Protein backbone atom coordinates (compact mmCIF):
# COMPACT_ATOMS: atom_id res chain seq x y z
CA UNK A 1 -26.16 29.51 41.69
CA UNK A 2 -25.32 28.18 38.27
CA UNK A 3 -25.74 24.71 36.38
CA UNK A 4 -23.07 23.39 34.02
CA UNK A 5 -22.87 20.43 31.94
CA UNK A 6 -19.44 17.66 30.27
CA UNK A 7 -20.03 16.72 26.85
CA UNK A 8 -18.34 14.01 25.38
CA UNK A 9 -19.05 12.15 22.38
CA UNK A 10 -16.99 9.14 21.48
CA UNK A 11 -17.07 5.98 19.10
CA UNK A 12 -18.49 3.89 21.65
CA UNK A 13 -21.04 6.60 23.06
CA UNK A 14 -22.06 9.77 24.38
CA UNK A 15 -22.37 11.41 28.08
CA UNK A 16 -23.63 14.55 28.91
CA UNK A 17 -23.05 15.34 33.18
CA UNK A 18 -24.80 18.19 34.58
CA UNK A 19 -23.42 19.85 37.76
CA UNK A 20 -25.27 22.32 40.34
CA UNK A 21 -22.72 24.90 41.32
CA UNK A 22 -23.05 27.25 44.60
CA UNK A 23 -20.16 28.69 45.64
CA UNK A 24 -17.85 25.53 46.35
CA UNK A 25 -20.47 23.24 46.37
CA UNK A 26 -21.06 20.81 43.42
CA UNK A 27 -23.43 18.57 43.16
CA UNK A 28 -23.82 16.12 40.58
CA UNK A 29 -27.22 16.53 38.95
CA UNK A 30 -27.57 14.22 35.96
CA UNK A 31 -25.65 11.52 33.92
CA UNK A 32 -26.94 10.71 30.60
CA UNK A 33 -25.69 8.31 28.15
CA UNK A 34 -26.63 8.90 24.46
CA UNK A 35 -25.70 7.18 21.03
CA UNK A 36 -22.63 8.51 19.67
CA UNK A 37 -24.42 10.38 17.23
CA UNK A 38 -24.04 14.42 16.69
CA UNK A 39 -27.92 15.02 15.99
CA UNK A 40 -28.34 13.23 19.18
CA UNK A 41 -26.11 15.39 21.49
CA UNK A 42 -27.35 18.53 19.89
CA UNK A 43 -31.14 17.79 20.14
CA UNK A 44 -30.48 17.40 23.87
CA UNK A 45 -28.16 19.74 24.67
CA UNK A 46 -31.36 22.43 22.65
CA UNK A 47 -33.25 21.17 25.54
CA UNK A 48 -31.02 22.28 28.54
CA UNK A 49 -32.06 26.27 28.13
CA UNK A 50 -29.78 28.99 27.49
CA UNK A 51 -28.48 29.91 30.93
CA UNK A 52 -26.45 26.42 30.95
CA UNK A 53 -22.40 26.10 30.63
CA UNK A 54 -21.37 23.82 28.60
CA UNK A 55 -17.88 22.28 28.24
CA UNK A 56 -17.64 20.00 24.89
CA UNK A 57 -14.42 17.97 24.63
CA UNK A 58 -12.75 18.13 21.33
CA UNK A 59 -11.55 14.45 22.07
CA UNK A 60 -13.62 11.49 19.72
CA UNK A 61 -16.38 13.20 18.01
CA UNK A 62 -16.09 16.44 19.68
CA UNK A 63 -14.51 18.45 17.22
CA UNK A 64 -17.21 17.38 14.37
CA UNK A 65 -20.54 18.21 17.53
CA UNK A 66 -18.79 21.59 17.23
CA UNK A 67 -18.24 22.50 14.20
CA UNK A 68 -21.79 20.95 13.63
CA UNK A 69 -23.45 23.17 16.20
CA UNK A 70 -21.74 26.12 14.92
CA UNK A 71 -20.51 29.50 16.37
CA UNK A 72 -22.47 29.91 19.31
CA UNK A 73 -25.06 32.89 19.79
CA UNK A 74 -24.13 33.07 23.57
CA UNK A 75 -20.59 31.67 23.74
CA UNK A 76 -20.31 33.09 26.93
CA UNK A 77 -21.99 29.84 28.38
CA UNK A 78 -20.11 27.50 25.44
CA UNK A 79 -16.55 26.10 25.45
CA UNK A 80 -14.61 23.66 23.32
CA UNK A 81 -11.88 21.86 25.53
CA UNK A 82 -8.96 21.14 23.45
CA UNK A 83 -6.75 20.33 26.37
CA UNK A 84 -4.00 17.19 24.99
CA UNK A 85 -1.78 14.98 26.46
CA UNK A 86 -0.57 15.51 30.33
CA UNK A 87 -2.29 18.90 30.07
CA UNK A 88 -6.05 17.06 30.48
CA UNK A 89 -4.45 16.53 34.35
CA UNK A 90 -5.62 19.97 35.35
CA UNK A 91 -9.12 17.89 34.44
CA UNK A 92 -8.59 15.31 36.87
CA UNK A 93 -7.54 17.81 39.70
CA UNK A 94 -10.95 19.85 40.11
CA UNK A 95 -12.27 16.34 40.76
CA UNK A 96 -9.43 15.50 43.28
CA UNK A 97 -9.82 18.45 45.40
CA UNK A 98 -13.32 18.70 45.89
CA UNK A 99 -13.84 15.44 47.28
CA UNK A 100 -10.08 16.05 49.54
CA UNK A 101 -12.57 19.46 50.37
CA UNK A 102 -15.74 17.38 50.82
CA UNK A 103 -17.46 19.60 48.52
CA UNK A 104 -18.43 17.06 45.73
CA UNK A 105 -21.58 15.52 45.96
CA UNK A 106 -24.04 13.03 43.56
CA UNK A 107 -27.99 13.88 44.21
CA UNK A 108 -29.51 10.86 45.30
CA UNK A 109 -31.49 8.97 42.95
CA UNK A 110 -29.72 9.27 39.41
CA UNK A 111 -29.88 7.39 36.03
CA UNK A 112 -26.84 5.77 35.09
CA UNK A 113 -25.20 6.37 39.07
CA UNK A 114 -23.90 2.51 38.91
CA UNK A 115 -22.25 3.30 35.64
CA UNK A 116 -20.88 6.48 36.63
CA UNK A 117 -19.53 4.76 40.07
CA UNK A 118 -18.08 1.96 38.30
CA UNK A 119 -16.21 4.27 35.95
CA UNK A 120 -14.95 6.33 38.76
CA UNK A 121 -13.68 3.29 39.72
CA UNK A 122 -11.16 3.28 37.16
CA UNK A 123 -10.07 6.38 36.14
CA UNK A 124 -6.40 7.48 35.54
CA UNK A 125 -6.04 10.03 38.86
CA UNK A 126 -2.44 10.57 36.81
CA UNK A 127 -2.87 11.62 33.53
CA UNK A 128 -0.11 10.66 30.95
CA UNK A 129 1.36 12.00 27.50
CA UNK A 130 -1.29 10.19 25.94
CA UNK A 131 -4.25 12.16 27.56
CA UNK A 132 -6.45 8.83 28.34
CA UNK A 133 -8.67 9.39 31.94
CA UNK A 134 -11.01 7.08 31.26
CA UNK A 135 -14.69 6.42 30.13
CA UNK A 136 -17.20 9.10 28.50
CA UNK A 137 -18.74 9.27 32.03
CA UNK A 138 -15.95 10.51 34.32
CA UNK A 139 -14.49 12.63 31.10
CA UNK A 140 -18.40 14.94 31.14
CA UNK A 141 -18.13 14.75 35.21
CA UNK A 142 -14.56 16.51 34.97
CA UNK A 143 -15.51 18.60 32.27
CA UNK A 144 -18.84 20.02 34.15
CA UNK A 145 -16.32 20.88 37.13
CA UNK A 146 -15.26 23.55 34.91
CA UNK A 147 -15.45 26.92 36.94
CA UNK A 148 -17.70 29.35 35.07
CA UNK A 149 -15.47 32.00 33.34
CA UNK A 150 -14.81 34.92 34.97
CA UNK A 151 -17.12 38.01 35.49
CA UNK A 152 -16.10 41.11 32.75
CA UNK A 153 -16.93 44.26 34.00
CA UNK A 154 -17.34 47.32 31.81
CA UNK A 155 -14.51 49.58 31.14
CA UNK A 156 -13.55 52.27 33.48
CA UNK A 157 -13.28 55.81 32.14
CA UNK A 158 -11.12 57.79 34.08
CA UNK A 159 -10.03 61.36 34.05
CA UNK A 160 -8.32 63.91 36.98
CA UNK A 161 -6.57 66.23 37.61
CA UNK A 162 -3.08 66.41 36.74
CA UNK A 163 -1.22 66.24 40.22
CA UNK A 164 -0.97 62.76 41.98
CA UNK A 165 -2.75 64.06 44.89
CA UNK A 166 -5.81 64.40 42.94
CA UNK A 167 -9.08 62.37 43.61
CA UNK A 168 -9.63 60.78 39.71
CA UNK A 169 -12.95 60.48 38.72
CA UNK A 170 -14.70 57.64 36.62
CA UNK A 171 -17.36 56.87 35.12
CA UNK A 172 -19.00 53.84 34.11
CA UNK A 173 -20.79 52.51 31.15
CA UNK A 174 -23.84 52.78 32.94
CA UNK A 175 -23.83 56.17 34.02
CA UNK A 176 -22.40 55.74 37.91
CA UNK A 177 -19.40 58.03 39.18
CA UNK A 178 -16.82 56.58 41.03
CA UNK A 179 -14.32 59.07 43.45
CA UNK A 180 -11.42 57.31 43.79
CA UNK A 181 -9.41 58.54 46.09
CA UNK A 182 -5.30 59.12 44.93
CA UNK A 183 -4.16 55.48 47.12
CA UNK A 184 -7.08 53.68 45.29
CA UNK A 185 -9.41 53.55 48.09
CA UNK A 186 -13.13 54.39 47.00
CA UNK A 187 -14.65 57.76 48.11
CA UNK A 188 -17.51 57.76 46.81
CA UNK A 189 -19.91 57.30 43.58
CA UNK A 190 -22.34 59.13 42.22
CA UNK A 191 -25.91 57.82 40.08
CA UNK A 192 -26.15 59.83 36.97
CA UNK A 193 -28.73 62.47 36.99
CA UNK A 194 -32.39 62.09 36.40
CA UNK A 195 -33.13 63.49 32.02
CA UNK A 196 -36.33 65.64 32.74
CA UNK A 197 -38.89 65.35 29.71
CA UNK A 198 -38.59 69.29 28.85
């Protein structure tokens, strides 16, 4: 399971919405409204912990927030969403698909649930060239639905025979050796040898 938050800061206020993602299930676990003050949003984001994925909307005061945050130490868990115009339709599409597939839910008893419900009634399901979607609550929810970045595996260092029929061996950074047949099937693995103290 992973936790994702969407962050929007606009003239009328800021919003942070949290989603817990487990496989395809999406559970909204937090809805917060904050004043449109960069320092208040930064303080709240600092309370969230290191393993939370954060997506900040560049619209409104988002670029200023991003600049005030400075380069994140853990870039894997931070994203500045800078989609413009009709490109923002992709944000809406994630919610529409999740609702259709019945994989999106709100946790019971959320603060600001009533405000979110009202905002969801009036948001744009078809984004126009102006890029407007709806209130900061809805946009923060949509940003929280952005999936985590793909896992990047360590590079495979491979060597093998001169003949295309030879088996290829590759050693991963951790020392595990993979034995791969010419057709791409995994033949076996070899653990790294233990180092002796001698």
